[in-house]
């Protein structure tokens, strides 16, 4: 899981590094990405590459994505673990 695209009216700059909180539906605590870099910008859309994400947060995000794909009938097998680099 290398990043995501978000919708935002916030003005950011290409290559800017930001901290991001992603709210998962039905979960009280947001997933926190400690550092992400802006890689792409379009009107109200920003492409982010995750630079630093704690293992527990990565797992929460993976489980959410897996459950959403299964719910939508787009994936039947479990997602494989993405190796992480210690930061």
Protein backbone atom coordinates (compact mmCIF):
# COMPACT_ATOMS: atom_id res chain seq x y z
CA UNK A 1 0.00 0.00 0.00
CA UNK A 2 1.94 2.92 -1.29
CA UNK A 3 -0.49 5.79 -1.10
CA UNK A 4 -3.91 7.13 -1.99
CA UNK A 5 -5.85 9.88 -3.71
CA UNK A 6 -7.88 12.23 -1.55
CA UNK A 7 -10.47 14.87 -2.28
CA UNK A 8 -9.57 18.20 -0.76
CA UNK A 9 -9.97 21.90 -1.36
CA UNK A 10 -6.80 22.53 0.66
CA UNK A 11 -4.01 24.07 -1.39
CA UNK A 12 -0.88 21.94 -1.26
CA UNK A 13 2.33 22.05 -3.27
CA UNK A 14 3.92 19.31 -5.33
CA UNK A 15 6.46 17.39 -3.18
CA UNK A 16 5.03 18.90 0.03
CA UNK A 17 5.17 16.51 2.97
CA UNK A 18 2.03 16.26 5.09
CA UNK A 19 0.55 14.26 7.97
CA UNK A 20 -2.80 12.69 7.09
CA UNK A 21 -5.65 11.22 9.11
CA UNK A 22 -7.95 8.86 7.19
CA UNK A 23 -11.34 8.22 8.76
CA UNK A 24 -12.55 4.65 8.26
CA UNK A 25 -16.35 4.28 8.33
CA UNK A 26 -17.48 2.59 11.54
CA UNK A 27 -14.12 3.09 13.25
CA UNK A 28 -13.77 5.66 16.02
CA UNK A 29 -10.08 6.39 15.49
CA UNK A 30 -8.69 7.58 12.16
CA UNK A 31 -5.73 5.87 10.49
CA UNK A 32 -2.76 8.20 10.87
CA UNK A 33 -0.16 8.48 8.13
CA UNK A 34 2.81 10.13 9.80
CA UNK A 35 4.30 11.40 6.54
CA UNK A 36 3.02 11.47 2.96
CA UNK A 37 4.35 13.39 -0.03
CA UNK A 38 2.19 15.11 -2.66
CA UNK A 39 2.85 13.38 -5.99
CA UNK A 40 -0.08 14.52 -8.12
CA UNK A 41 -2.59 17.35 -8.06
CA UNK A 42 -5.81 17.91 -9.95
CA UNK A 43 -8.88 20.00 -9.20
CA UNK A 44 -9.93 19.03 -5.64
CA UNK A 45 -7.86 15.79 -5.85
CA UNK A 46 -4.42 15.14 -4.42
CA UNK A 47 -2.32 12.02 -5.00
CA UNK A 48 -0.25 11.09 -1.96
CA UNK A 49 2.60 8.63 -1.54
CA UNK A 50 2.92 7.24 1.97
CA UNK A 51 6.41 7.75 3.38
CA UNK A 52 5.89 6.80 7.03
CA UNK A 53 3.01 4.71 8.33
CA UNK A 54 3.14 2.71 11.56
CA UNK A 55 2.67 -1.05 11.09
CA UNK A 56 -0.54 -1.13 13.17
CA UNK A 57 -2.01 1.70 11.04
CA UNK A 58 -0.97 -0.05 7.81
CA UNK A 59 -2.71 -3.23 8.99
CA UNK A 60 -5.92 -1.34 9.85
CA UNK A 61 -5.96 0.25 6.41
CA UNK A 62 -5.26 -3.09 4.68
CA UNK A 63 -8.11 -4.77 6.58
CA UNK A 64 -10.51 -1.98 5.66
CA UNK A 65 -9.57 -2.11 1.97
CA UNK A 66 -9.81 -5.90 1.92
CA UNK A 67 -13.27 -5.85 3.51
CA UNK A 68 -14.48 -3.16 1.08
CA UNK A 69 -13.24 -5.11 -1.94
CA UNK A 70 -14.91 -8.27 -0.67
CA UNK A 71 -18.11 -6.39 0.14
CA UNK A 72 -18.21 -5.06 -3.41
CA UNK A 73 -17.44 -8.49 -4.87
CA UNK A 74 -14.17 -7.31 -6.39
CA UNK A 75 -11.78 -9.59 -4.49
CA UNK A 76 -12.25 -13.03 -3.04
CA UNK A 77 -8.76 -13.94 -1.79
CA UNK A 78 -7.04 -12.12 1.09
CA UNK A 79 -4.65 -9.32 0.24
CA UNK A 80 -1.03 -10.27 0.60
CA UNK A 81 1.04 -8.47 3.17
CA UNK A 82 3.12 -5.62 1.77
CA UNK A 83 6.67 -5.72 3.14
CA UNK A 84 7.54 -2.65 5.13
CA UNK A 85 10.80 -0.85 5.64
CA UNK A 86 11.58 0.08 9.21
CA UNK A 87 11.60 3.84 9.78
